[in-house]
N, C-alpha and C. Protein backbone atom coordinates (compact mmCIF):
# COMPACT_ATOMS: atom_id res chain seq x y z
N MET A 1 -15.04 -3.18 -10.17
CA MET A 1 -14.17 -3.65 -9.03
C MET A 1 -12.97 -4.40 -9.44
N GLN A 2 -11.86 -3.95 -8.78
CA GLN A 2 -10.68 -4.36 -9.29
C GLN A 2 -10.43 -5.58 -9.01
N SER A 3 -9.44 -6.58 -9.48
CA SER A 3 -8.96 -7.88 -9.73
C SER A 3 -8.01 -7.90 -8.81
N LEU A 4 -7.18 -8.96 -8.45
CA LEU A 4 -6.01 -9.47 -7.53
C LEU A 4 -5.10 -9.19 -8.44
N LYS A 5 -4.97 -9.56 -9.78
CA LYS A 5 -4.28 -9.00 -10.65
C LYS A 5 -3.64 -7.64 -10.46
N ASP A 6 -4.70 -6.61 -10.49
CA ASP A 6 -4.61 -5.30 -10.37
C ASP A 6 -3.77 -4.88 -9.02
N ALA A 7 -4.31 -5.71 -8.01
CA ALA A 7 -3.32 -5.61 -6.89
C ALA A 7 -2.15 -5.36 -6.90
N LEU A 8 -1.70 -7.03 -7.37
CA LEU A 8 -0.13 -7.44 -7.57
C LEU A 8 0.54 -6.21 -8.42
N ALA A 9 -0.08 -5.69 -9.49
CA ALA A 9 0.49 -4.72 -10.16
C ALA A 9 0.71 -3.58 -9.54
N LEU A 10 0.09 -3.19 -8.65
CA LEU A 10 0.29 -2.06 -7.38
C LEU A 10 1.33 -2.51 -6.75
N LEU A 11 1.14 -3.51 -6.25
CA LEU A 11 2.42 -3.85 -5.27
C LEU A 11 3.50 -3.79 -5.88
N GLU A 12 3.73 -4.22 -7.16
CA GLU A 12 4.96 -4.16 -7.88
C GLU A 12 5.21 -2.91 -8.23
N GLN A 13 4.74 -1.91 -8.42
CA GLN A 13 4.81 -0.19 -8.40
C GLN A 13 5.46 -0.11 -6.99
N VAL A 14 4.87 -0.47 -5.81
CA VAL A 14 5.74 0.18 -4.70
C VAL A 14 6.85 -0.60 -4.12
N GLU A 15 7.00 -2.10 -4.74
CA GLU A 15 8.39 -2.64 -4.77
C GLU A 15 9.40 -1.83 -5.59
N LYS A 16 9.25 -1.03 -6.82
CA LYS A 16 10.28 -0.48 -7.38
C LYS A 16 10.42 0.93 -7.13
N ILE A 17 8.93 1.59 -6.39
CA ILE A 17 9.37 2.77 -5.55
C ILE A 17 10.82 2.36 -4.62
N LEU A 18 10.06 1.58 -3.73
CA LEU A 18 11.04 1.29 -2.51
C LEU A 18 12.82 0.99 -2.95
N ASN A 19 12.75 0.33 -4.29
CA ASN A 19 14.04 -0.02 -4.72
C ASN A 19 14.78 0.94 -5.26
N ASN A 20 14.02 2.37 -5.31
CA ASN A 20 14.80 3.40 -6.00
C ASN A 20 14.66 4.53 -5.01
N TYR A 21 14.75 4.32 -3.62
CA TYR A 21 14.19 5.32 -2.84
C TYR A 21 15.22 5.30 -1.38
N THR A 22 16.12 6.45 -1.22
CA THR A 22 16.50 6.45 -0.06
C THR A 22 16.33 7.79 0.89
N PRO A 23 15.88 7.03 2.13
CA PRO A 23 15.08 7.81 3.08
C PRO A 23 16.33 8.59 3.73
N LYS A 24 15.76 10.16 3.56
CA LYS A 24 16.66 11.07 3.89
C LYS A 24 16.24 12.00 5.18
N SER A 25 15.22 11.68 5.91
CA SER A 25 14.67 12.56 6.91
C SER A 25 13.60 11.90 8.25
N GLU A 26 13.52 12.51 8.70
CA GLU A 26 12.39 11.84 10.30
C GLU A 26 11.14 11.31 9.43
N GLU A 27 10.99 12.36 8.63
CA GLU A 27 9.53 12.39 8.00
C GLU A 27 9.68 10.90 6.87
N ASP A 28 10.70 10.72 6.35
CA ASP A 28 10.72 9.72 5.51
C ASP A 28 10.43 8.31 6.41
N ARG A 29 11.07 8.21 7.75
CA ARG A 29 11.20 7.44 8.62
C ARG A 29 10.05 7.21 9.26
N LYS A 30 8.50 8.25 9.30
CA LYS A 30 7.64 7.89 9.71
C LYS A 30 6.61 7.12 8.45
N LEU A 31 7.09 7.79 7.39
CA LEU A 31 6.15 7.29 6.26
C LEU A 31 6.61 5.53 6.09
N LEU A 32 7.94 5.46 6.12
CA LEU A 32 8.10 4.11 5.92
C LEU A 32 7.52 2.92 6.85
N ASN A 33 7.33 3.59 8.31
CA ASN A 33 6.59 3.18 9.33
C ASN A 33 5.20 2.82 9.24
N MET A 34 4.78 3.70 8.65
CA MET A 34 3.30 3.95 7.84
C MET A 34 3.09 2.57 6.94
N LEU A 35 3.91 2.33 5.78
CA LEU A 35 3.74 1.77 5.04
C LEU A 35 4.36 0.11 5.37
N ILE A 36 5.09 -0.19 6.38
CA ILE A 36 5.21 -1.11 7.29
C ILE A 36 3.87 -1.83 7.95
N SER A 37 3.58 -1.25 8.54
CA SER A 37 2.24 -0.92 8.86
C SER A 37 0.89 -1.49 8.18
N LYS A 38 0.94 -0.76 7.06
CA LYS A 38 -0.47 -1.19 6.15
C LYS A 38 0.23 -2.58 5.54
N ASN A 39 1.44 -2.79 5.18
CA ASN A 39 1.77 -4.11 4.52
C ASN A 39 1.50 -5.15 5.46
N MET A 40 1.91 -4.84 6.69
CA MET A 40 1.36 -5.75 7.61
C MET A 40 0.10 -6.28 7.75
N LYS A 41 -0.97 -5.15 7.67
CA LYS A 41 -2.40 -5.11 7.81
C LYS A 41 -2.93 -6.25 6.22
N ILE A 42 -2.28 -6.07 5.15
CA ILE A 42 -2.61 -6.57 3.84
C ILE A 42 -2.27 -7.59 3.88
N GLU A 43 -0.82 -8.15 4.45
CA GLU A 43 -0.52 -9.41 4.74
C GLU A 43 -1.52 -10.48 5.56
N ALA A 44 -1.58 -9.66 6.42
CA ALA A 44 -2.83 -10.80 7.42
C ALA A 44 -4.09 -10.93 6.96
N GLU A 45 -4.58 -9.84 5.86
CA GLU A 45 -5.68 -10.25 5.16
C GLU A 45 -5.54 -11.16 4.38
N ALA A 46 -4.56 -11.19 3.62
CA ALA A 46 -4.16 -12.13 2.09
C ALA A 46 -4.28 -13.81 2.89
N TYR A 47 -3.47 -13.36 3.99
CA TYR A 47 -3.25 -14.89 4.79
C TYR A 47 -4.84 -15.45 5.25
N ALA A 48 -5.68 -14.67 5.56
CA ALA A 48 -6.79 -15.15 6.15
C ALA A 48 -7.60 -15.32 5.07
N LYS A 49 -7.42 -14.71 3.73
CA LYS A 49 -8.36 -15.16 2.90
C LYS A 49 -8.14 -16.73 2.24
N TYR A 50 -6.52 -16.59 1.98
CA TYR A 50 -5.76 -17.55 1.49
C TYR A 50 -6.31 -19.29 2.14
N ILE A 51 -6.04 -18.93 3.73
CA ILE A 51 -6.36 -19.99 4.45
C ILE A 51 -8.06 -20.42 4.39
N ARG A 52 -8.84 -19.76 3.87
CA ARG A 52 -10.18 -20.05 3.41
C ARG A 52 -10.48 -20.97 2.31
N VAL A 53 -9.50 -20.20 1.62
CA VAL A 53 -9.65 -21.17 -0.32
C VAL A 53 -9.76 -22.82 0.15
């Protein structure tokens, strides 16, 4: 089972990728939209767990 530290490290990798990324096409736009949607789901789950602690 992975830990929250592992999840944080993965998010830091995503952040680095985004910082060095320049979208160039409609496909990039679609992928960014999917990333934003996934991030919103992750944030909602994290807030729900945070509130329970």
